[in-house]
Amino acid sequence: MIACERGADGLWVVRLDRADKANALTPEMLEALCAVVEGAGDARALVLTGRGKVFSAGADLDAARAGLATSPLWERLSGGLAALDALTICALNGTCAGGAMGMFLACDLRVSVPGAKLFYPVMKLGFLPQPSDPRRLAALTNPSRARMILMGGQKIPVETALGWGLIDMVTAEDPVAAARALAADVLGAAPAHATAIKRMIP
């Protein structure tokens, strides 16, 4: 349910492939994502996307009730993404919800198709967000907007999120193609040069 294409140019495309279930994440999918990210030391750029019309509905509900909602795998995944020297891009093919927001927030850049929404209903569901998610959310937007999402339960259209700095680009084309274009300079540069520039940016 996780597909990974590794290009000869160093571009990795990692795709959530459970479209019949809105790419809801199971423990096995999270383990697989962690393994891919932790093994991506050779990647020059890594793109996260999904198959179908939803990027991810977050945790599979049955798995969440069985303990997945509080699993350390979420923080392991977002921490692994944040630690990569590669340029990381989340290419939303549709709505991103719940725990899936963690990997979205941990990426360097975020692009989306029009009409998608972002929401993180932890207050309604009675769970805490993963520890790094509120900090990243507030850093990208501001504390009040983080509260609107995490405490107010607001579903934010990506067109609004673009103005907030939570989305970097809304594109009517294939979001993976847009991500490839954003990664072109990194893929054409010396790896050490690209890494040095990334490390200069807080």
Protein backbone atom coordinates (compact mmCIF):
# COMPACT_ATOMS: atom_id res chain seq x y z
CA MET A 1 0.00 0.00 0.00
CA ILE A 2 3.10 2.20 -0.19
CA ALA A 3 4.75 2.52 -3.59
CA CYS A 4 8.19 4.07 -4.10
CA GLU A 5 9.67 5.06 -7.46
CA ARG A 6 13.39 5.79 -7.33
CA GLY A 7 14.56 7.80 -10.34
CA ALA A 8 18.08 7.62 -11.71
CA ASP A 9 18.32 11.40 -11.17
CA GLY A 10 17.79 11.00 -7.42
CA LEU A 11 14.09 11.88 -7.35
CA TRP A 12 12.04 9.53 -5.18
CA VAL A 13 8.24 9.55 -5.48
CA VAL A 14 6.55 7.88 -2.52
CA ARG A 15 2.86 7.21 -3.05
CA LEU A 16 0.11 6.21 -0.61
CA ASP A 17 -1.79 3.51 -2.48
CA ARG A 18 -5.00 2.69 -0.63
CA ALA A 19 -7.38 4.84 -2.64
CA ASP A 20 -10.41 2.66 -1.88
CA LYS A 21 -10.02 3.67 1.79
CA ALA A 22 -9.09 7.33 1.17
CA ASN A 23 -5.44 6.35 1.82
CA ALA A 24 -6.22 5.94 5.52
CA LEU A 25 -3.03 4.82 7.22
CA THR A 26 -2.59 1.46 8.94
CA PRO A 27 0.31 0.51 11.24
CA GLU A 28 1.84 -1.47 8.36
CA MET A 29 1.67 1.57 6.06
CA LEU A 30 3.28 3.79 8.69
CA GLU A 31 6.05 1.25 9.25
CA ALA A 32 6.63 1.09 5.49
CA LEU A 33 6.74 4.88 5.20
CA CYS A 34 9.24 5.11 8.05
CA ALA A 35 11.42 2.47 6.39
CA VAL A 36 11.37 4.29 3.05
CA VAL A 37 12.20 7.67 4.59
CA GLU A 38 14.93 6.25 6.83
CA GLY A 39 16.44 4.50 3.81
CA ALA A 40 16.34 7.58 1.59
CA GLY A 41 19.87 8.79 2.27
CA ASP A 42 20.66 8.63 -1.47
CA ALA A 43 17.60 10.64 -2.48
CA ARG A 44 18.22 14.13 -3.84
CA ALA A 45 14.52 15.04 -3.63
CA LEU A 46 11.61 13.10 -2.17
CA VAL A 47 7.98 13.67 -3.14
CA LEU A 48 5.08 12.37 -1.04
CA THR A 49 1.74 11.95 -2.78
CA GLY A 50 -1.31 9.70 -2.90
CA ARG A 51 -3.38 7.77 -5.38
CA GLY A 52 -7.00 8.72 -6.00
CA LYS A 53 -8.87 11.84 -4.93
CA VAL A 54 -7.69 12.07 -1.28
CA PHE A 55 -4.09 12.39 -0.11
CA SER A 56 -4.93 10.74 3.19
CA ALA A 57 -7.80 10.65 5.65
CA GLY A 58 -5.27 10.12 8.46
CA ALA A 59 -5.33 7.02 10.64
CA ASP A 60 -7.51 4.09 9.70
CA LEU A 61 -10.40 4.36 12.20
CA ASP A 62 -10.28 0.77 13.39
CA ALA A 63 -6.51 0.98 13.82
CA ALA A 64 -6.85 4.34 15.60
CA ARG A 65 -9.24 2.84 18.14
CA ALA A 66 -6.77 -0.01 18.63
CA GLY A 67 -3.99 2.42 19.57
CA LEU A 68 -2.59 3.76 16.30
CA ALA A 69 -3.72 7.31 17.11
CA THR A 70 -1.09 7.52 19.86
CA SER A 71 1.62 5.44 18.18
CA PRO A 72 5.20 6.79 18.15
CA LEU A 73 5.33 5.87 14.45
CA TRP A 74 3.77 9.23 13.51
CA GLU A 75 6.53 11.20 15.21
CA ARG A 76 9.17 8.81 13.84
CA LEU A 77 7.91 9.47 10.31
CA SER A 78 7.75 13.26 10.58
CA GLY A 79 11.11 13.37 12.34
CA GLY A 80 12.68 11.25 9.62
CA LEU A 81 11.34 13.55 6.92
CA ALA A 82 12.56 16.67 8.72
CA ALA A 83 16.05 15.16 9.11
CA LEU A 84 16.55 14.33 5.43
CA ASP A 85 19.14 16.31 3.49
CA ALA A 86 16.98 15.83 0.39
CA LEU A 87 14.43 18.44 -0.65
CA THR A 88 11.09 17.05 0.57
CA ILE A 89 7.84 18.02 -1.12
CA CYS A 90 4.32 16.99 -0.19
CA ALA A 91 2.26 16.89 -3.41
CA LEU A 92 -1.36 16.77 -2.33
CA ASN A 93 -3.63 15.01 -4.82
CA GLY A 94 -6.56 15.88 -2.52
CA THR A 95 -7.55 16.49 1.09
CA CYS A 96 -5.08 15.86 3.92
CA ALA A 97 -6.54 15.09 7.34
CA GLY A 98 -5.67 13.97 10.85
CA GLY A 99 -2.37 12.26 11.50
CA ALA A 100 -1.39 12.60 7.83
CA MET A 101 -0.90 16.30 8.55
CA GLY A 102 2.33 15.36 10.36
CA MET A 103 4.17 14.27 7.21
CA PHE A 104 2.65 17.20 5.31
CA LEU A 105 3.97 19.67 7.90
CA ALA A 106 7.41 18.04 8.07
CA CYS A 107 8.12 18.51 4.35
CA ASP A 108 10.13 21.44 3.01
CA LEU A 109 7.50 22.42 0.44
CA ARG A 110 3.79 21.72 -0.03
CA VAL A 111 1.84 21.83 -3.31
CA SER A 112 -1.78 20.89 -3.92
CA VAL A 113 -4.53 20.45 -6.45
CA PRO A 114 -7.40 22.97 -6.16
CA GLY A 115 -10.35 22.17 -3.94
CA ALA A 116 -8.49 20.11 -1.32
CA LYS A 117 -8.91 20.79 2.39
CA LEU A 118 -6.64 20.54 5.43
CA PHE A 119 -7.98 19.55 8.84
CA TYR A 120 -6.77 17.88 12.01
CA PRO A 121 -9.75 16.89 14.24
CA VAL A 122 -7.85 15.87 17.36
CA MET A 123 -10.02 17.97 19.66
CA LYS A 124 -13.23 16.36 18.40
CA LEU A 125 -11.78 12.85 18.49
CA GLY A 126 -10.23 13.19 21.94
CA PHE A 127 -6.59 12.64 20.92
CA LEU A 128 -3.52 14.84 21.28
CA PRO A 129 -1.63 15.80 18.12
CA GLN A 130 1.84 14.39 17.74
CA PRO A 131 4.31 16.61 19.69
CA SER A 132 6.04 18.27 16.74
CA ASP A 133 2.89 19.01 14.72
CA PRO A 134 1.56 22.06 16.64
CA ARG A 135 5.04 23.64 16.61
CA ARG A 136 5.46 23.15 12.86
CA LEU A 137 1.92 24.32 12.18
CA ALA A 138 2.38 27.50 14.22
CA ALA A 139 5.77 28.19 12.59
CA LEU A 140 4.28 27.95 9.09
CA THR A 141 1.20 30.04 9.89
CA ASN A 142 0.94 31.62 13.34
CA PRO A 143 -0.27 30.44 16.76
CA SER A 144 -3.84 31.69 16.24
CA ARG A 145 -4.23 29.81 12.96
CA ALA A 146 -2.76 26.70 14.56
CA ARG A 147 -5.47 27.01 17.22
CA MET A 148 -8.15 27.42 14.55
CA ILE A 149 -7.15 24.06 13.07
CA LEU A 150 -6.29 22.10 16.21
CA MET A 151 -8.78 23.59 18.67
CA GLY A 152 -11.45 25.12 16.45
CA GLY A 153 -11.64 22.09 14.18
CA GLN A 154 -11.66 24.23 11.06
CA LYS A 155 -11.37 22.66 7.60
CA ILE A 156 -9.10 25.00 5.67
CA PRO A 157 -9.36 25.10 1.86
CA VAL A 158 -5.93 24.98 0.25
CA GLU A 159 -6.69 28.27 -1.48
CA THR A 160 -6.93 29.88 1.98
CA ALA A 161 -3.94 27.90 3.22
CA LEU A 162 -1.91 29.39 0.35
CA GLY A 163 -2.41 32.85 1.83
CA TRP A 164 -1.49 31.55 5.27
CA GLY A 165 1.85 30.10 4.10
CA LEU A 166 0.67 26.57 4.85
CA ILE A 167 0.59 25.71 1.14
CA ASP A 168 3.29 26.96 -1.24
CA MET A 169 1.52 26.36 -4.55
CA VAL A 170 -1.95 25.41 -5.80
CA THR A 171 -1.74 23.89 -9.26
CA ALA A 172 -4.34 22.56 -11.69
CA GLU A 173 -1.72 20.28 -13.22
CA ASP A 174 -0.51 16.98 -11.82
CA PRO A 175 0.90 17.92 -8.39
CA VAL A 176 3.75 15.43 -8.82
CA ALA A 177 4.73 17.16 -12.06
CA ALA A 178 4.71 20.49 -10.21
CA ALA A 179 6.89 18.95 -7.49
CA ARG A 180 9.32 17.61 -10.09
CA ALA A 181 9.65 21.10 -11.54
CA LEU A 182 10.34 22.56 -8.08
CA ALA A 183 13.02 19.93 -7.53
CA ALA A 184 14.74 20.47 -10.90
CA ASP A 185 17.49 22.80 -9.62
CA VAL A 186 18.26 20.50 -6.67
CA LEU A 187 18.47 17.48 -8.97
CA GLY A 188 20.83 19.39 -11.27
CA ALA A 189 23.14 20.62 -8.50
CA ALA A 190 25.99 18.90 -6.73
CA PRO A 191 24.49 17.04 -3.75
CA ALA A 192 26.78 18.77 -1.25
CA HIS A 193 25.78 22.17 -2.62
CA ALA A 194 22.08 21.44 -2.30
CA THR A 195 22.54 20.07 1.22
CA ALA A 196 24.57 23.10 2.27
CA ILE A 197 21.85 25.48 1.11
CA LYS A 198 19.12 23.48 2.84
CA ARG A 199 21.06 23.50 6.10
CA MET A 200 21.40 27.30 5.94
CA ILE A 201 17.62 27.72 6.07
CA PRO A 202 16.13 27.54 9.61
